[in-house]
């Protein structure tokens, strides 16, 4: 690459970076006024590194140059979409609202979003590359076969959800996937349409996993779908898209992921699964975040293809009996 091309590239990146910073000051026009004020008071620091945009909350003590605002969130999406940025990295310490905001922006801009996490040498795809390749191949083949065989059931459940309560058939939510990449998990909707907006009001800073046995947001049909894990069948599409495995650790929601202690956050780099050690051995009977993470880390450190097949077989009676599901 000659010097002229390099100068043009540097100027282009600098210009787009400036546009992003300008846009950020007025891009957080969210529906709730208190949240708007919260976001406006919290500035961002942006770092360019090898085609990555690293976003952190800026400290009040930092010497920042404040720039005048441009337009709204749409402008930020436009700037990010046109930029040479290949991916965006966020600190897990930014909080749920900030991470969700950036996840929505990156989704519209067509850029992948990752949480910045420390590496872990015990991830099975590094220790057993050939065994892991077989696992991923089986994931795709089995998921494709199940989608075809269960298509009549999918159709019946979709009609049941649609006719039982107002709202969409499917529920999508941001989850933390392999290497900390955020993805949209797919489930049959089991709650009222505005359940996400009511989440923290219902949970009320509950310790441990945010799960309630008597959740007022769950619909009557939703209780039945959850009891027999039928709401999780659409996750087969996440497997086909490479975002999940048939067997693996629990796919963490943002409101749970951000509360994981820093010494256990490397667990978030693992490929999540539809079923796994926690789902089979404990499920909702164990909701302590550290215990769930410890269970997942033990699975990862002792991973084998035979162990995955064992968990798949153990899942069948657990689903049929509704073990620990709510």
C-alpha atoms as a PDB file:
ATOM      1  CA  UNK A   1       0.000   0.000   0.000  1.00  0.00           C
ATOM      2  CA  UNK A   2       1.616   3.293  -1.103  1.00  0.00           C
ATOM      3  CA  UNK A   3       1.811   6.358   1.121  1.00  0.00           C
ATOM      4  CA  UNK A   4      -0.947   8.209  -0.742  1.00  0.00           C
ATOM      5  CA  UNK A   5      -3.475   5.399  -0.206  1.00  0.00           C
ATOM      6  CA  UNK A   6      -2.521   5.230   3.471  1.00  0.00           C
ATOM      7  CA  UNK A   7      -3.076   8.946   3.964  1.00  0.00           C
ATOM      8  CA  UNK A   8      -6.503   8.747   2.282  1.00  0.00           C
ATOM      9  CA  UNK A   9      -7.468   5.777   4.499  1.00  0.00           C
ATOM     10  CA  UNK A  10      -6.328   7.539   7.681  1.00  0.00           C
ATOM     11  CA  UNK A  11      -8.253  10.688   6.770  1.00  0.00           C
ATOM     12  CA  UNK A  12     -11.350   8.641   6.003  1.00  0.00           C
ATOM     13  CA  UNK A  13     -11.218   6.818   9.344  1.00  0.00           C
ATOM     14  CA  UNK A  14     -10.600  10.084  11.215  1.00  0.00           C
ATOM     15  CA  UNK A  15     -13.521  11.804   9.505  1.00  0.00           C
ATOM     16  CA  UNK A  16     -15.938   8.963  10.227  1.00  0.00           C
ATOM     17  CA  UNK A  17     -14.692   8.738  13.802  1.00  0.00           C
ATOM     18  CA  UNK A  18     -15.385  12.444  14.260  1.00  0.00           C
ATOM     19  CA  UNK A  19     -18.871  11.987  12.825  1.00  0.00           C
ATOM     20  CA  UNK A  20     -19.502   9.151  15.277  1.00  0.00           C
ATOM     21  CA  UNK A  21     -18.384  11.245  18.248  1.00  0.00           C
ATOM     22  CA  UNK A  22     -20.481  14.183  17.117  1.00  0.00           C
ATOM     23  CA  UNK A  23     -23.499  11.978  16.703  1.00  0.00           C
ATOM     24  CA  UNK A  24     -23.150  10.234  20.073  1.00  0.00           C
ATOM     25  CA  UNK A  25     -23.990  13.365  22.056  1.00  0.00           C
ATOM     26  CA  UNK A  26     -27.533  13.458  20.727  1.00  0.00           C
ATOM     27  CA  UNK A  27     -28.099   9.908  19.538  1.00  0.00           C
ATOM     28  CA  UNK A  28     -29.687   8.462  22.638  1.00  0.00           C
ATOM     29  CA  UNK A  29     -33.260   9.655  22.122  1.00  0.00           C
ATOM     30  CA  UNK A  30     -34.914   6.820  24.019  1.00  0.00           C
ATOM     31  CA  UNK A  31     -38.629   6.782  24.945  1.00  0.00           C
ATOM     32  CA  UNK A  32     -38.156   7.242  28.687  1.00  0.00           C
ATOM     33  CA  UNK A  33     -37.147  10.765  29.792  1.00  0.00           C
ATOM     34  CA  UNK A  34     -35.131   9.628  32.864  1.00  0.00           C
ATOM     35  CA  UNK A  35     -33.118   7.272  30.676  1.00  0.00           C
ATOM     36  CA  UNK A  36     -32.434  10.060  28.198  1.00  0.00           C
ATOM     37  CA  UNK A  37     -30.982  12.224  30.954  1.00  0.00           C
ATOM     38  CA  UNK A  38     -28.905   9.304  32.215  1.00  0.00           C
ATOM     39  CA  UNK A  39     -27.421   8.619  28.779  1.00  0.00           C
ATOM     40  CA  UNK A  40     -26.715  12.275  28.026  1.00  0.00           C
ATOM     41  CA  UNK A  41     -24.755  12.633  31.259  1.00  0.00           C
ATOM     42  CA  UNK A  42     -22.719   9.522  30.438  1.00  0.00           C
ATOM     43  CA  UNK A  43     -20.253  10.287  27.645  1.00  0.00           C
ATOM     44  CA  UNK A  44     -18.396   7.667  25.641  1.00  0.00           C
ATOM     45  CA  UNK A  45     -14.730   7.318  24.839  1.00  0.00           C
ATOM     46  CA  UNK A  46     -14.026   5.815  21.406  1.00  0.00           C
ATOM     47  CA  UNK A  47     -10.803   4.030  20.457  1.00  0.00           C
ATOM     48  CA  UNK A  48      -9.889   2.811  16.969  1.00  0.00           C
ATOM     49  CA  UNK A  49      -7.729  -0.306  16.889  1.00  0.00           C
ATOM     50  CA  UNK A  50      -7.238  -2.622  13.885  1.00  0.00           C
ATOM     51  CA  UNK A  51     -10.649  -1.854  12.376  1.00  0.00           C
ATOM     52  CA  UNK A  52     -12.298  -2.274  15.785  1.00  0.00           C
ATOM     53  CA  UNK A  53     -14.249   0.446  17.534  1.00  0.00           C
ATOM     54  CA  UNK A  54     -13.739   0.088  21.296  1.00  0.00           C
ATOM     55  CA  UNK A  55     -16.421   1.905  23.290  1.00  0.00           C
ATOM     56  CA  UNK A  56     -16.169   2.696  26.992  1.00  0.00           C
ATOM     57  CA  UNK A  57     -17.986   4.990  29.379  1.00  0.00           C
ATOM     58  CA  UNK A  58     -15.803   8.041  29.891  1.00  0.00           C
ATOM     59  CA  UNK A  59     -14.945   9.071  33.427  1.00  0.00           C
ATOM     60  CA  UNK A  60     -15.940  12.506  34.656  1.00  0.00           C
ATOM     61  CA  UNK A  61     -12.260  13.057  35.484  1.00  0.00           C
ATOM     62  CA  UNK A  62     -11.121  12.523  31.899  1.00  0.00           C
ATOM     63  CA  UNK A  63     -10.161  15.575  29.887  1.00  0.00           C
ATOM     64  CA  UNK A  64     -12.605  15.279  27.012  1.00  0.00           C
ATOM     65  CA  UNK A  65     -13.349  17.728  24.245  1.00  0.00           C
ATOM     66  CA  UNK A  66     -17.126  18.092  24.085  1.00  0.00           C
ATOM     67  CA  UNK A  67     -18.457  18.477  20.566  1.00  0.00           C
ATOM     68  CA  UNK A  68     -21.819  19.902  19.515  1.00  0.00           C
ATOM     69  CA  UNK A  69     -24.593  17.389  18.696  1.00  0.00           C
ATOM     70  CA  UNK A  70     -25.808  16.519  15.222  1.00  0.00           C
ATOM     71  CA  UNK A  71     -29.000  14.512  14.736  1.00  0.00           C
ATOM     72  CA  UNK A  72     -30.398  11.400  16.413  1.00  0.00           C
ATOM     73  CA  UNK A  73     -29.818   7.687  16.660  1.00  0.00           C
ATOM     74  CA  UNK A  74     -30.444   7.207  12.942  1.00  0.00           C
ATOM     75  CA  UNK A  75     -27.400   9.362  12.174  1.00  0.00           C
ATOM     76  CA  UNK A  76     -25.230   7.194  14.413  1.00  0.00           C
ATOM     77  CA  UNK A  77     -26.455   4.096  12.582  1.00  0.00           C
ATOM     78  CA  UNK A  78     -25.677   5.732   9.242  1.00  0.00           C
ATOM     79  CA  UNK A  79     -22.163   6.791  10.293  1.00  0.00           C
ATOM     80  CA  UNK A  80     -21.344   3.369  11.712  1.00  0.00           C
ATOM     81  CA  UNK A  81     -22.709   1.578   8.638  1.00  0.00           C
ATOM     82  CA  UNK A  82     -20.530   3.670   6.298  1.00  0.00           C
ATOM     83  CA  UNK A  83     -17.407   3.421   8.456  1.00  0.00           C
ATOM     84  CA  UNK A  84     -14.550   0.924   7.871  1.00  0.00           C
ATOM     85  CA  UNK A  85     -15.229  -0.511  11.341  1.00  0.00           C
ATOM     86  CA  UNK A  86     -15.427  -4.322  11.162  1.00  0.00           C
ATOM     87  CA  UNK A  87     -16.708  -4.846  14.716  1.00  0.00           C
ATOM     88  CA  UNK A  88     -17.566  -2.942  17.896  1.00  0.00           C
ATOM     89  CA  UNK A  89     -16.308  -3.906  21.365  1.00  0.00           C
ATOM     90  CA  UNK A  90     -17.957  -2.816  24.619  1.00  0.00           C
ATOM     91  CA  UNK A  91     -16.911  -3.136  28.230  1.00  0.00           C
ATOM     92  CA  UNK A  92     -19.307  -5.325  30.288  1.00  0.00           C
ATOM     93  CA  UNK A  93     -19.145  -2.619  32.962  1.00  0.00           C
ATOM     94  CA  UNK A  94     -21.128  -0.194  30.769  1.00  0.00           C
ATOM     95  CA  UNK A  95     -24.415  -1.548  32.088  1.00  0.00           C
ATOM     96  CA  UNK A  96     -27.461  -3.164  30.538  1.00  0.00           C
ATOM     97  CA  UNK A  97     -29.062  -0.056  29.001  1.00  0.00           C
ATOM     98  CA  UNK A  98     -25.882   1.144  27.301  1.00  0.00           C
ATOM     99  CA  UNK A  99     -25.050  -2.323  25.957  1.00  0.00           C
ATOM    100  CA  UNK A 100     -28.583  -2.824  24.625  1.00  0.00           C
ATOM    101  CA  UNK A 101     -28.509   0.605  22.975  1.00  0.00           C
ATOM    102  CA  UNK A 102     -25.264  -0.174  21.161  1.00  0.00           C
ATOM    103  CA  UNK A 103     -26.514  -3.673  20.275  1.00  0.00           C
ATOM    104  CA  UNK A 104     -29.573  -2.161  18.561  1.00  0.00           C
ATOM    105  CA  UNK A 105     -27.404   0.401  16.740  1.00  0.00           C
ATOM    106  CA  UNK A 106     -24.947  -2.267  15.554  1.00  0.00           C
ATOM    107  CA  UNK A 107     -27.799  -4.510  14.398  1.00  0.00           C
ATOM    108  CA  UNK A 108     -29.197  -1.727  12.211  1.00  0.00           C
ATOM    109  CA  UNK A 109     -25.723  -0.800  10.955  1.00  0.00           C
ATOM    110  CA  UNK A 110     -24.847  -4.408  10.118  1.00  0.00           C
ATOM    111  CA  UNK A 111     -21.824  -4.500  12.464  1.00  0.00           C
ATOM    112  CA  UNK A 112     -21.148  -7.316  14.966  1.00  0.00           C
ATOM    113  CA  UNK A 113     -20.944  -6.342  18.634  1.00  0.00           C
ATOM    114  CA  UNK A 114     -18.728  -8.057  21.210  1.00  0.00           C
ATOM    115  CA  UNK A 115     -18.183  -7.676  24.935  1.00  0.00           C
ATOM    116  CA  UNK A 116     -14.509  -7.147  25.793  1.00  0.00           C
ATOM    117  CA  UNK A 117     -13.529 -10.259  27.741  1.00  0.00           C
ATOM    118  CA  UNK A 118     -10.269 -11.846  28.818  1.00  0.00           C
ATOM    119  CA  UNK A 119      -9.263 -14.993  26.955  1.00  0.00           C
ATOM    120  CA  UNK A 120      -9.485 -18.449  28.493  1.00  0.00           C
ATOM    121  CA  UNK A 121      -7.115 -21.311  27.568  1.00  0.00           C
ATOM    122  CA  UNK A 122      -9.625 -23.966  28.680  1.00  0.00           C
ATOM    123  CA  UNK A 123     -12.201 -23.401  25.931  1.00  0.00           C
ATOM    124  CA  UNK A 124     -12.744 -26.812  24.273  1.00  0.00           C
ATOM    125  CA  UNK A 125     -12.445 -25.570  20.669  1.00  0.00           C
ATOM    126  CA  UNK A 126      -8.799 -24.724  21.447  1.00  0.00           C
ATOM    127  CA  UNK A 127      -8.005 -27.907  23.364  1.00  0.00           C
ATOM    128  CA  UNK A 128      -9.868 -30.361  21.094  1.00  0.00           C
ATOM    129  CA  UNK A 129     -10.087 -28.739  17.625  1.00  0.00           C
ATOM    130  CA  UNK A 130     -11.013 -31.923  15.714  1.00  0.00           C
ATOM    131  CA  UNK A 131     -13.567 -33.040  18.266  1.00  0.00           C
ATOM    132  CA  UNK A 132     -15.034 -29.549  18.236  1.00  0.00           C
ATOM    133  CA  UNK A 133     -15.275 -29.612  14.441  1.00  0.00           C
ATOM    134  CA  UNK A 134     -17.272 -32.873  14.668  1.00  0.00           C
ATOM    135  CA  UNK A 135     -19.519 -31.330  17.323  1.00  0.00           C
ATOM    136  CA  UNK A 136     -20.309 -28.300  15.162  1.00  0.00           C
ATOM    137  CA  UNK A 137     -20.976 -30.485  12.120  1.00  0.00           C
ATOM    138  CA  UNK A 138     -23.377 -32.635  14.140  1.00  0.00           C
ATOM    139  CA  UNK A 139     -25.031 -29.499  15.507  1.00  0.00           C
ATOM    140  CA  UNK A 140     -25.926 -28.315  12.024  1.00  0.00           C
ATOM    141  CA  UNK A 141     -27.030 -31.722  10.706  1.00  0.00           C
ATOM    142  CA  UNK A 142     -29.187 -32.609  13.725  1.00  0.00           C
ATOM    143  CA  UNK A 143     -30.719 -29.117  13.939  1.00  0.00           C
ATOM    144  CA  UNK A 144     -31.604 -29.146  10.224  1.00  0.00           C
ATOM    145  CA  UNK A 145     -33.179 -32.608  10.572  1.00  0.00           C
ATOM    146  CA  UNK A 146     -35.168 -31.601  13.664  1.00  0.00           C
ATOM    147  CA  UNK A 147     -36.489 -28.442  12.001  1.00  0.00           C
ATOM    148  CA  UNK A 148     -37.778 -30.507   9.077  1.00  0.00           C
ATOM    149  CA  UNK A 149     -39.300 -33.251  11.251  1.00  0.00           C
ATOM    150  CA  UNK A 150     -40.856 -30.837  13.754  1.00  0.00           C
ATOM    151  CA  UNK A 151     -42.205 -28.324  11.220  1.00  0.00           C
ATOM    152  CA  UNK A 152     -45.861 -29.395  11.820  1.00  0.00           C
ATOM    153  CA  UNK A 153     -45.330 -28.894  15.572  1.00  0.00           C
ATOM    154  CA  UNK A 154     -43.752 -25.481  14.903  1.00  0.00           C
ATOM    155  CA  UNK A 155     -46.794 -24.458  12.893  1.00  0.00           C
ATOM    156  CA  UNK A 156     -49.235 -25.675  15.548  1.00  0.00           C
ATOM    157  CA  UNK A 157     -47.404 -23.894  18.371  1.00  0.00           C
ATOM    158  CA  UNK A 158     -47.151 -20.694  16.311  1.00  0.00           C
ATOM    159  CA  UNK A 159     -50.931 -20.685  15.766  1.00  0.00           C
ATOM    160  CA  UNK A 160     -51.486 -21.396  19.460  1.00  0.00           C
ATOM    161  CA  UNK A 161     -49.285 -18.479  20.577  1.00  0.00           C
ATOM    162  CA  UNK A 162     -50.823 -16.100  18.040  1.00  0.00           C
ATOM    163  CA  UNK A 163     -54.416 -16.944  18.966  1.00  0.00           C
ATOM    164  CA  UNK A 164     -53.908 -17.006  22.752  1.00  0.00           C
ATOM    165  CA  UNK A 165     -52.672 -13.445  23.352  1.00  0.00           C
ATOM    166  CA  UNK A 166     -51.903 -10.253  21.395  1.00  0.00           C
ATOM    167  CA  UNK A 167     -48.317  -9.810  20.246  1.00  0.00           C
ATOM    168  CA  UNK A 168     -45.732 -11.454  17.983  1.00  0.00           C
ATOM    169  CA  UNK A 169     -45.316 -15.224  17.698  1.00  0.00           C
ATOM    170  CA  UNK A 170     -41.610 -15.165  18.446  1.00  0.00           C
ATOM    171  CA  UNK A 171     -39.722 -13.490  21.263  1.00  0.00           C
ATOM    172  CA  UNK A 172     -36.208 -12.239  20.512  1.00  0.00           C
ATOM    173  CA  UNK A 173     -33.740 -11.068  23.126  1.00  0.00           C
ATOM    174  CA  UNK A 174     -30.083 -10.086  23.221  1.00  0.00           C
ATOM    175  CA  UNK A 175     -27.855 -12.838  24.608  1.00  0.00           C
ATOM    176  CA  UNK A 176     -24.089 -13.232  24.984  1.00  0.00           C
ATOM    177  CA  UNK A 177     -22.642 -15.818  22.616  1.00  0.00           C
ATOM    178  CA  UNK A 178     -19.270 -17.267  21.615  1.00  0.00           C
ATOM    179  CA  UNK A 179     -16.272 -14.945  22.239  1.00  0.00           C
ATOM    180  CA  UNK A 180     -18.671 -12.477  23.849  1.00  0.00           C
ATOM    181  CA  UNK A 181     -20.553 -11.781  20.603  1.00  0.00           C
ATOM    182  CA  UNK A 182     -24.113 -10.562  21.139  1.00  0.00           C
ATOM    183  CA  UNK A 183     -26.889 -12.302  19.221  1.00  0.00           C
ATOM    184  CA  UNK A 184     -30.694 -12.402  19.193  1.00  0.00           C
ATOM    185  CA  UNK A 185     -32.031 -15.612  20.723  1.00  0.00           C
ATOM    186  CA  UNK A 186     -35.341 -16.856  19.282  1.00  0.00           C
ATOM    187  CA  UNK A 187     -38.127 -18.404  21.353  1.00  0.00           C
ATOM    188  CA  UNK A 188     -41.867 -18.814  21.138  1.00  0.00           C
ATOM    189  CA  UNK A 189     -43.365 -15.905  23.051  1.00  0.00           C
ATOM    190  CA  UNK A 190     -44.595 -17.014  26.485  1.00  0.00           C
ATOM    191  CA  UNK A 191     -45.160 -13.592  28.065  1.00  0.00           C
ATOM    192  CA  UNK A 192     -47.275 -10.539  27.371  1.00  0.00           C
ATOM    193  CA  UNK A 193     -45.979  -8.341  24.565  1.00  0.00           C
ATOM    194  CA  UNK A 194     -44.451  -5.645  26.843  1.00  0.00           C
ATOM    195  CA  UNK A 195     -42.710  -8.098  29.181  1.00  0.00           C
ATOM    196  CA  UNK A 196     -39.212  -6.699  28.560  1.00  0.00           C
ATOM    197  CA  UNK A 197     -40.263  -3.209  29.646  1.00  0.00           C
ATOM    198  CA  UNK A 198     -41.642  -4.651  32.912  1.00  0.00           C
ATOM    199  CA  UNK A 199     -38.647  -6.890  33.638  1.00  0.00           C
ATOM    200  CA  UNK A 200     -36.894  -4.900  36.368  1.00  0.00           C
ATOM    201  CA  UNK A 201     -40.195  -3.815  37.890  1.00  0.00           C
ATOM    202  CA  UNK A 202     -41.157  -7.477  38.334  1.00  0.00           C
ATOM    203  CA  UNK A 203     -37.725  -8.754  39.423  1.00  0.00           C
ATOM    204  CA  UNK A 204     -37.059  -5.848  41.837  1.00  0.00           C
ATOM    205  CA  UNK A 205     -33.267  -6.327  42.042  1.00  0.00           C
ATOM    206  CA  UNK A 206     -33.625 -10.041  42.703  1.00  0.00           C
ATOM    207  CA  UNK A 207     -30.323 -11.769  43.479  1.00  0.00           C
ATOM    208  CA  UNK A 208     -29.240 -14.659  41.284  1.00  0.00           C
ATOM    209  CA  UNK A 209     -30.770 -15.526  37.926  1.00  0.00           C
ATOM    210  CA  UNK A 210     -33.738 -13.348  37.036  1.00  0.00           C
ATOM    211  CA  UNK A 211     -36.344 -16.100  37.079  1.00  0.00           C
ATOM    212  CA  UNK A 212     -39.637 -16.237  38.988  1.00  0.00           C
ATOM    213  CA  UNK A 213     -41.750 -19.340  39.474  1.00  0.00           C
ATOM    214  CA  UNK A 214     -44.909 -17.214  39.485  1.00  0.00           C
ATOM    215  CA  UNK A 215     -44.080 -14.523  36.963  1.00  0.00           C
ATOM    216  CA  UNK A 216     -47.195 -12.358  36.358  1.00  0.00           C
ATOM    217  CA  UNK A 217     -46.070 -11.599  32.798  1.00  0.00           C
ATOM    218  CA  UNK A 218     -46.355 -15.227  31.639  1.00  0.00           C
ATOM    219  CA  UNK A 219     -49.487 -16.089  29.650  1.00  0.00           C
ATOM    220  CA  UNK A 220     -51.577 -19.226  30.411  1.00  0.00           C
ATOM    221  CA  UNK A 221     -50.296 -20.898  27.232  1.00  0.00           C
ATOM    222  CA  UNK A 222     -46.812 -19.667  28.139  1.00  0.00           C
ATOM    223  CA  UNK A 223     -46.810 -21.647  31.393  1.00  0.00           C
ATOM    224  CA  UNK A 224     -47.512 -24.837  29.461  1.00  0.00           C
ATOM    225  CA  UNK A 225     -44.890 -24.084  26.797  1.00  0.00           C
ATOM    226  CA  UNK A 226     -42.289 -23.360  29.465  1.00  0.00           C
ATOM    227  CA  UNK A 227     -43.102 -26.449  31.537  1.00  0.00           C
ATOM    228  CA  UNK A 228     -42.188 -28.749  28.637  1.00  0.00           C
ATOM    229  CA  UNK A 229     -39.538 -26.433  27.129  1.00  0.00           C
ATOM    230  CA  UNK A 230     -41.496 -26.120  23.871  1.00  0.00           C
ATOM    231  CA  UNK A 231     -40.788 -22.388  23.835  1.00  0.00           C
ATOM    232  CA  UNK A 232     -37.106 -23.173  23.226  1.00  0.00           C
ATOM    233  CA  UNK A 233     -37.609 -25.117  19.992  1.00  0.00           C
ATOM    234  CA  UNK A 234     -36.968 -22.048  17.758  1.00  0.00           C
ATOM    235  CA  UNK A 235     -33.430 -21.959  19.165  1.00  0.00           C
ATOM    236  CA  UNK A 236     -32.740 -24.625  16.546  1.00  0.00           C
ATOM    237  CA  UNK A 237     -32.592 -21.695  14.110  1.00  0.00           C
ATOM    238  CA  UNK A 238     -29.900 -20.116  16.303  1.00  0.00           C
ATOM    239  CA  UNK A 239     -27.967 -23.378  15.980  1.00  0.00           C
ATOM    240  CA  UNK A 240     -28.323 -23.316  12.181  1.00  0.00           C
ATOM    241  CA  UNK A 241     -27.056 -19.727  12.167  1.00  0.00           C
ATOM    242  CA  UNK A 242     -23.969 -20.779  14.144  1.00  0.00           C
ATOM    243  CA  UNK A 243     -24.900 -18.737  17.222  1.00  0.00           C
ATOM    244  CA  UNK A 244     -25.612 -21.696  19.509  1.00  0.00           C
ATOM    245  CA  UNK A 245     -24.935 -25.406  19.902  1.00  0.00           C
ATOM    246  CA  UNK A 246     -27.311 -28.200  20.823  1.00  0.00           C
ATOM    247  CA  UNK A 247     -25.288 -28.691  24.029  1.00  0.00           C
ATOM    248  CA  UNK A 248     -23.430 -25.998  25.914  1.00  0.00           C
ATOM    249  CA  UNK A 249     -23.583 -23.493  28.783  1.00  0.00           C
ATOM    250  CA  UNK A 250     -26.615 -21.322  29.387  1.00  0.00           C
ATOM    251  CA  UNK A 251     -26.947 -18.367  26.950  1.00  0.00           C
ATOM    252  CA  UNK A 252     -26.809 -15.403  29.313  1.00  0.00           C
ATOM    253  CA  UNK A 253     -29.261 -12.510  29.018  1.00  0.00           C
ATOM    254  CA  UNK A 254     -27.727  -9.051  29.446  1.00  0.00           C
ATOM    255  CA  UNK A 255     -29.346  -8.429  32.841  1.00  0.00           C
ATOM    256  CA  UNK A 256     -27.683 -11.599  34.170  1.00  0.00           C
ATOM    257  CA  UNK A 257     -24.384 -11.349  32.253  1.00  0.00           C
ATOM    258  CA  UNK A 258     -23.457  -7.915  33.601  1.00  0.00           C
ATOM    259  CA  UNK A 259     -23.793  -9.170  37.192  1.00  0.00           C
ATOM    260  CA  UNK A 260     -21.227 -11.958  36.771  1.00  0.00           C
ATOM    261  CA  UNK A 261     -18.126 -11.312  38.852  1.00  0.00           C
ATOM    262  CA  UNK A 262     -15.030 -10.297  36.817  1.00  0.00           C
ATOM    263  CA  UNK A 263     -13.117 -13.458  37.776  1.00  0.00           C
ATOM    264  CA  UNK A 264     -15.812 -15.606  36.089  1.00  0.00           C
ATOM    265  CA  UNK A 265     -16.550 -13.443  33.041  1.00  0.00           C
ATOM    266  CA  UNK A 266     -14.315 -15.525  30.768  1.00  0.00           C
ATOM    267  CA  UNK A 267     -17.161 -18.062  30.872  1.00  0.00           C
ATOM    268  CA  UNK A 268     -19.051 -15.643  28.571  1.00  0.00           C
ATOM    269  CA  UNK A 269     -16.626 -16.527  25.747  1.00  0.00           C
ATOM    270  CA  UNK A 270     -18.102 -20.037  25.489  1.00  0.00           C
ATOM    271  CA  UNK A 271     -20.529 -21.139  22.776  1.00  0.00           C
ATOM    272  CA  UNK A 272     -23.956 -21.419  24.490  1.00  0.00           C
ATOM    273  CA  UNK A 273     -26.266 -24.386  24.040  1.00  0.00           C
ATOM    274  CA  UNK A 274     -29.967 -25.260  24.095  1.00  0.00           C
ATOM    275  CA  UNK A 275     -29.306 -27.842  26.794  1.00  0.00           C
ATOM    276  CA  UNK A 276     -26.309 -28.609  28.969  1.00  0.00           C
ATOM    277  CA  UNK A 277     -24.948 -29.440  32.394  1.00  0.00           C
ATOM    278  CA  UNK A 278     -26.944 -26.825  34.318  1.00  0.00           C
ATOM    279  CA  UNK A 279     -30.165 -27.511  32.391  1.00  0.00           C
ATOM    280  CA  UNK A 280     -29.935 -31.242  33.097  1.00  0.00           C
ATOM    281  CA  UNK A 281     -28.558 -31.283  36.650  1.00  0.00           C
ATOM    282  CA  UNK A 282     -30.140 -28.251  38.272  1.00  0.00           C
ATOM    283  CA  UNK A 283     -32.045 -25.914  35.964  1.00  0.00           C
ATOM    284  CA  UNK A 284     -34.249 -23.463  37.886  1.00  0.00           C
ATOM    285  CA  UNK A 285     -33.598 -25.257  41.198  1.00  0.00           C
ATOM    286  CA  UNK A 286     -30.173 -23.528  41.255  1.00  0.00           C
ATOM    287  CA  UNK A 287     -30.230 -19.811  40.428  1.00  0.00           C
ATOM    288  CA  UNK A 288     -27.082 -18.540  42.160  1.00  0.00           C
ATOM    289  CA  UNK A 289     -24.957 -16.853  39.480  1.00  0.00           C
ATOM    290  CA  UNK A 290     -21.633 -18.166  40.796  1.00  0.00           C
ATOM    291  CA  UNK A 291     -22.909 -21.743  41.115  1.00  0.00           C
ATOM    292  CA  UNK A 292     -24.341 -21.710  37.586  1.00  0.00           C
ATOM    293  CA  UNK A 293     -21.072 -20.349  36.230  1.00  0.00           C
ATOM    294  CA  UNK A 294     -19.034 -22.901  38.160  1.00  0.00           C
ATOM    295  CA  UNK A 295     -21.195 -25.679  36.714  1.00  0.00           C
ATOM    296  CA  UNK A 296     -20.617 -24.338  33.198  1.00  0.00           C
ATOM    297  CA  UNK A 297     -16.857 -23.943  33.706  1.00  0.00           C
ATOM    298  CA  UNK A 298     -16.598 -27.530  34.932  1.00  0.00           C
ATOM    299  CA  UNK A 299     -18.412 -28.685  31.785  1.00  0.00           C
ATOM    300  CA  UNK A 300     -16.017 -26.694  29.592  1.00  0.00           C
ATOM    301  CA  UNK A 301     -12.890 -27.978  31.348  1.00  0.00           C
ATOM    302  CA  UNK A 302     -13.985 -31.629  30.993  1.00  0.00           C
ATOM    303  CA  UNK A 303     -15.655 -31.350  27.585  1.00  0.00           C
ATOM    304  CA  UNK A 304     -15.923 -34.358  25.293  1.00  0.00           C
ATOM    305  CA  UNK A 305     -18.205 -35.336  22.440  1.00  0.00           C
ATOM    306  CA  UNK A 306     -19.415 -38.316  24.473  1.00  0.00           C
ATOM    307  CA  UNK A 307     -20.379 -36.020  27.330  1.00  0.00           C
ATOM    308  CA  UNK A 308     -22.470 -33.903  24.949  1.00  0.00           C
ATOM    309  CA  UNK A 309     -24.308 -36.993  23.695  1.00  0.00           C
ATOM    310  CA  UNK A 310     -24.935 -37.987  27.320  1.00  0.00           C
ATOM    311  CA  UNK A 311     -26.499 -34.583  28.092  1.00  0.00           C
ATOM    312  CA  UNK A 312     -28.699 -34.837  24.992  1.00  0.00           C
ATOM    313  CA  UNK A 313     -30.031 -38.207  26.156  1.00  0.00           C
ATOM    314  CA  UNK A 314     -30.574 -36.955  29.724  1.00  0.00           C
ATOM    315  CA  UNK A 315     -32.494 -33.953  28.405  1.00  0.00           C
ATOM    316  CA  UNK A 316     -35.319 -36.087  26.993  1.00  0.00           C
ATOM    317  CA  UNK A 317     -36.750 -37.353  30.339  1.00  0.00           C
ATOM    318  CA  UNK A 318     -36.167 -33.932  31.942  1.00  0.00           C
ATOM    319  CA  UNK A 319     -38.272 -32.259  29.219  1.00  0.00           C
ATOM    320  CA  UNK A 320     -41.017 -34.890  29.356  1.00  0.00           C
ATOM    321  CA  UNK A 321     -41.371 -34.501  33.136  1.00  0.00           C
ATOM    322  CA  UNK A 322     -41.021 -30.694  33.126  1.00  0.00           C
ATOM    323  CA  UNK A 323     -38.089 -30.858  35.553  1.00  0.00           C
ATOM    324  CA  UNK A 324     -37.203 -27.436  37.007  1.00  0.00           C
ATOM    325  CA  UNK A 325     -38.981 -25.543  34.224  1.00  0.00           C
ATOM    326  CA  UNK A 326     -40.898 -22.321  34.795  1.00  0.00           C
END
